[in-house]
Amino acid sequence: MSSSVSGVSADEFQALEQKVLRAVEVVKREREARAAADAEVVLLRRQLAQQAEEAQSQIAAAHSKMEAAQSQFASVQSQADAAQSKAEAAHSKAQVALSEKEAVQTQIDALVQEREAVRQRVEQMMHQIDELL
């Protein structure tokens, strides 16, 4: 008696089973990669928010110091110049913080694109699994 059922040999069935198992592993890895990318996006967003808060605090502190220096030393031009230098330094820090924010946003955008690519690969794999079944 033949070992085939419904026209499918044992070897063909075993090959199909191996393909399905490999596809399941690929889907599992893709899901893990997507979860890791999502976790990294959350972490980067938290870091970005923290950096933005720190930059805002630094700007506010620098602005307060500048106003105090201007009100205390308004009659002395050299001291007013020093306060202006502090304001410029604070502005530079703000620009650096903004540049860092843009860099982090670029990373987030890249991770979002990567997550989308992973999602598309998973969908393609799922479609291929559906076709195999």
C-alpha atoms as a PDB file:
ATOM      1  CA  MET A   1       0.000   0.000   0.000  1.00  0.00           C
ATOM      2  CA  SER A   2       1.256   3.490  -0.855  1.00  0.00           C
ATOM      3  CA  SER A   3       2.082   6.024   1.880  1.00  0.00           C
ATOM      4  CA  SER A   4       0.397   8.858   0.035  1.00  0.00           C
ATOM      5  CA  VAL A   5      -2.907  10.278   1.123  1.00  0.00           C
ATOM      6  CA  SER A   6      -4.917  12.440  -1.231  1.00  0.00           C
ATOM      7  CA  GLY A   7      -2.028  12.438  -3.696  1.00  0.00           C
ATOM      8  CA  VAL A   8       0.550  13.872  -1.241  1.00  0.00           C
ATOM      9  CA  SER A   9       3.549  11.698  -0.465  1.00  0.00           C
ATOM     10  CA  ALA A  10       5.141  11.535   2.962  1.00  0.00           C
ATOM     11  CA  ASP A  11       8.220  13.311   1.601  1.00  0.00           C
ATOM     12  CA  GLU A  12       6.126  16.085   0.111  1.00  0.00           C
ATOM     13  CA  PHE A  13       4.206  16.425   3.351  1.00  0.00           C
ATOM     14  CA  GLN A  14       7.424  16.534   5.366  1.00  0.00           C
ATOM     15  CA  ALA A  15       8.891  19.186   3.010  1.00  0.00           C
ATOM     16  CA  LEU A  16       5.727  21.246   3.360  1.00  0.00           C
ATOM     17  CA  GLU A  17       5.861  20.852   7.126  1.00  0.00           C
ATOM     18  CA  GLN A  18       9.482  22.078   7.135  1.00  0.00           C
ATOM     19  CA  LYS A  19       8.510  25.100   5.030  1.00  0.00           C
ATOM     20  CA  VAL A  20       5.708  25.930   7.430  1.00  0.00           C
ATOM     21  CA  LEU A  21       8.016  25.591  10.429  1.00  0.00           C
ATOM     22  CA  ARG A  22      10.611  27.847   8.775  1.00  0.00           C
ATOM     23  CA  ALA A  23       7.924  30.372   7.919  1.00  0.00           C
ATOM     24  CA  VAL A  24       6.681  30.334  11.512  1.00  0.00           C
ATOM     25  CA  GLU A  25      10.237  30.954  12.740  1.00  0.00           C
ATOM     26  CA  VAL A  26      10.648  33.838  10.300  1.00  0.00           C
ATOM     27  CA  VAL A  27       7.376  35.366  11.469  1.00  0.00           C
ATOM     28  CA  LYS A  28       8.437  34.904  15.082  1.00  0.00           C
ATOM     29  CA  ARG A  29      11.771  36.658  14.441  1.00  0.00           C
ATOM     30  CA  GLU A  30      10.050  39.456  12.546  1.00  0.00           C
ATOM     31  CA  ARG A  31       7.600  39.981  15.411  1.00  0.00           C
ATOM     32  CA  GLU A  32      10.462  40.057  17.901  1.00  0.00           C
ATOM     33  CA  ALA A  33      12.301  42.573  15.711  1.00  0.00           C
ATOM     34  CA  ARG A  34       9.173  44.705  15.482  1.00  0.00           C
ATOM     35  CA  ALA A  35       8.695  44.571  19.252  1.00  0.00           C
ATOM     36  CA  ALA A  36      12.327  45.569  19.775  1.00  0.00           C
ATOM     37  CA  ALA A  37      11.958  48.450  17.300  1.00  0.00           C
ATOM     38  CA  ASP A  38       8.773  49.598  19.042  1.00  0.00           C
ATOM     39  CA  ALA A  39      10.517  49.474  22.421  1.00  0.00           C
ATOM     40  CA  GLU A  40      13.413  51.491  21.030  1.00  0.00           C
ATOM     41  CA  VAL A  41      11.005  54.085  19.632  1.00  0.00           C
ATOM     42  CA  VAL A  42       9.399  54.418  23.080  1.00  0.00           C
ATOM     43  CA  LEU A  43      12.833  54.771  24.690  1.00  0.00           C
ATOM     44  CA  LEU A  44      13.947  57.380  22.163  1.00  0.00           C
ATOM     45  CA  ARG A  45      10.745  59.350  22.629  1.00  0.00           C
ATOM     46  CA  ARG A  46      11.263  59.348  26.386  1.00  0.00           C
ATOM     47  CA  GLN A  47      14.853  60.466  25.941  1.00  0.00           C
ATOM     48  CA  LEU A  48      13.752  63.183  23.545  1.00  0.00           C
ATOM     49  CA  ALA A  49      11.136  64.433  26.003  1.00  0.00           C
ATOM     50  CA  GLN A  50      13.681  64.431  28.825  1.00  0.00           C
ATOM     51  CA  GLN A  51      16.230  66.299  26.705  1.00  0.00           C
ATOM     52  CA  ALA A  52      13.595  68.827  25.692  1.00  0.00           C
ATOM     53  CA  GLU A  53      12.628  69.385  29.341  1.00  0.00           C
ATOM     54  CA  GLU A  54      16.269  69.779  30.337  1.00  0.00           C
ATOM     55  CA  ALA A  55      16.899  72.216  27.493  1.00  0.00           C
ATOM     56  CA  GLN A  56      13.804  74.209  28.437  1.00  0.00           C
ATOM     57  CA  SER A  57      14.958  74.350  32.064  1.00  0.00           C
ATOM     58  CA  GLN A  58      18.425  75.449  30.974  1.00  0.00           C
ATOM     59  CA  ILE A  59      16.936  78.125  28.742  1.00  0.00           C
ATOM     60  CA  ALA A  60      14.624  79.325  31.515  1.00  0.00           C
ATOM     61  CA  ALA A  61      17.491  79.356  34.036  1.00  0.00           C
ATOM     62  CA  ALA A  62      19.758  81.204  31.627  1.00  0.00           C
ATOM     63  CA  HIS A  63      16.985  83.671  30.811  1.00  0.00           C
ATOM     64  CA  SER A  64      16.341  84.290  34.533  1.00  0.00           C
ATOM     65  CA  LYS A  65      20.046  84.807  35.158  1.00  0.00           C
ATOM     66  CA  MET A  66      20.248  87.226  32.227  1.00  0.00           C
ATOM     67  CA  GLU A  67      17.301  89.296  33.490  1.00  0.00           C
ATOM     68  CA  ALA A  68      18.730  89.383  37.026  1.00  0.00           C
ATOM     69  CA  ALA A  69      22.118  90.480  35.712  1.00  0.00           C
ATOM     70  CA  GLN A  70      20.537  93.176  33.554  1.00  0.00           C
ATOM     71  CA  SER A  71      18.430  94.586  36.397  1.00  0.00           C
ATOM     72  CA  GLN A  72      21.357  94.469  38.883  1.00  0.00           C
ATOM     73  CA  PHE A  73      24.050  95.850  36.602  1.00  0.00           C
ATOM     74  CA  ALA A  74      22.100  98.031  34.153  1.00  0.00           C
ATOM     75  CA  SER A  75      24.347 101.043  34.836  1.00  0.00           C
ATOM     76  CA  VAL A  76      27.556  99.173  34.091  1.00  0.00           C
ATOM     77  CA  GLN A  77      27.999  98.463  30.376  1.00  0.00           C
ATOM     78  CA  SER A  78      30.687  95.801  30.799  1.00  0.00           C
ATOM     79  CA  GLN A  79      28.479  93.760  33.120  1.00  0.00           C
ATOM     80  CA  ALA A  80      25.565  94.137  30.687  1.00  0.00           C
ATOM     81  CA  ASP A  81      27.850  92.727  27.971  1.00  0.00           C
ATOM     82  CA  ALA A  82      28.574  89.712  30.224  1.00  0.00           C
ATOM     83  CA  ALA A  83      24.845  89.112  30.626  1.00  0.00           C
ATOM     84  CA  GLN A  84      24.468  89.291  26.842  1.00  0.00           C
ATOM     85  CA  SER A  85      27.185  86.657  26.490  1.00  0.00           C
ATOM     86  CA  LYS A  86      25.257  84.414  28.865  1.00  0.00           C
ATOM     87  CA  ALA A  87      22.145  84.863  26.749  1.00  0.00           C
ATOM     88  CA  GLU A  88      24.060  83.935  23.596  1.00  0.00           C
ATOM     89  CA  ALA A  89      25.462  80.851  25.313  1.00  0.00           C
ATOM     90  CA  ALA A  90      21.943  79.847  26.337  1.00  0.00           C
ATOM     91  CA  HIS A  91      20.782  80.369  22.772  1.00  0.00           C
ATOM     92  CA  SER A  92      23.643  78.188  21.520  1.00  0.00           C
ATOM     93  CA  LYS A  93      22.635  75.495  24.006  1.00  0.00           C
ATOM     94  CA  ALA A  94      19.067  75.767  22.755  1.00  0.00           C
ATOM     95  CA  GLN A  95      20.266  75.367  19.171  1.00  0.00           C
ATOM     96  CA  VAL A  96      22.332  72.336  20.172  1.00  0.00           C
ATOM     97  CA  ALA A  97      19.324  70.885  21.976  1.00  0.00           C
ATOM     98  CA  LEU A  98      17.171  71.527  18.914  1.00  0.00           C
ATOM     99  CA  SER A  99      19.764  69.844  16.704  1.00  0.00           C
ATOM    100  CA  GLU A 100      19.811  66.877  19.066  1.00  0.00           C
ATOM    101  CA  LYS A 101      16.026  66.788  19.021  1.00  0.00           C
ATOM    102  CA  GLU A 102      16.061  66.765  15.213  1.00  0.00           C
ATOM    103  CA  ALA A 103      18.674  63.990  15.215  1.00  0.00           C
ATOM    104  CA  VAL A 104      16.559  61.915  17.606  1.00  0.00           C
ATOM    105  CA  GLN A 105      13.471  62.598  15.495  1.00  0.00           C
ATOM    106  CA  THR A 106      15.403  61.407  12.453  1.00  0.00           C
ATOM    107  CA  GLN A 107      16.258  58.219  14.357  1.00  0.00           C
ATOM    108  CA  ILE A 108      12.629  57.806  15.357  1.00  0.00           C
ATOM    109  CA  ASP A 109      11.546  58.307  11.742  1.00  0.00           C
ATOM    110  CA  ALA A 110      14.100  55.711  10.614  1.00  0.00           C
ATOM    111  CA  LEU A 111      12.832  53.275  13.251  1.00  0.00           C
ATOM    112  CA  VAL A 112       9.251  53.908  12.194  1.00  0.00           C
ATOM    113  CA  GLN A 113      10.239  53.196   8.582  1.00  0.00           C
ATOM    114  CA  GLU A 114      12.075  50.078   9.696  1.00  0.00           C
ATOM    115  CA  ARG A 115       9.036  48.986  11.701  1.00  0.00           C
ATOM    116  CA  GLU A 116       6.872  49.532   8.631  1.00  0.00           C
ATOM    117  CA  ALA A 117       9.277  47.488   6.509  1.00  0.00           C
ATOM    118  CA  VAL A 118       9.170  44.709   9.108  1.00  0.00           C
ATOM    119  CA  ARG A 119       5.385  44.897   9.180  1.00  0.00           C
ATOM    120  CA  GLN A 120       5.262  44.595   5.414  1.00  0.00           C
ATOM    121  CA  ARG A 121       7.660  41.630   5.476  1.00  0.00           C
ATOM    122  CA  VAL A 122       5.526  39.944   8.113  1.00  0.00           C
ATOM    123  CA  GLU A 123       2.399  40.543   6.063  1.00  0.00           C
ATOM    124  CA  GLN A 124       4.163  39.134   3.004  1.00  0.00           C
ATOM    125  CA  MET A 125       5.265  36.090   4.998  1.00  0.00           C
ATOM    126  CA  MET A 126       1.749  35.618   6.319  1.00  0.00           C
ATOM    127  CA  HIS A 127       0.455  35.835   2.769  1.00  0.00           C
ATOM    128  CA  GLN A 128       3.020  33.262   1.668  1.00  0.00           C
ATOM    129  CA  ILE A 129       2.029  31.011   4.565  1.00  0.00           C
ATOM    130  CA  ASP A 130      -1.601  31.367   3.517  1.00  0.00           C
ATOM    131  CA  GLU A 131      -0.616  30.375  -0.013  1.00  0.00           C
ATOM    132  CA  LEU A 132       1.350  27.392   1.311  1.00  0.00           C
ATOM    133  CA  LEU A 133      -1.624  26.238   3.323  1.00  0.00           C
END
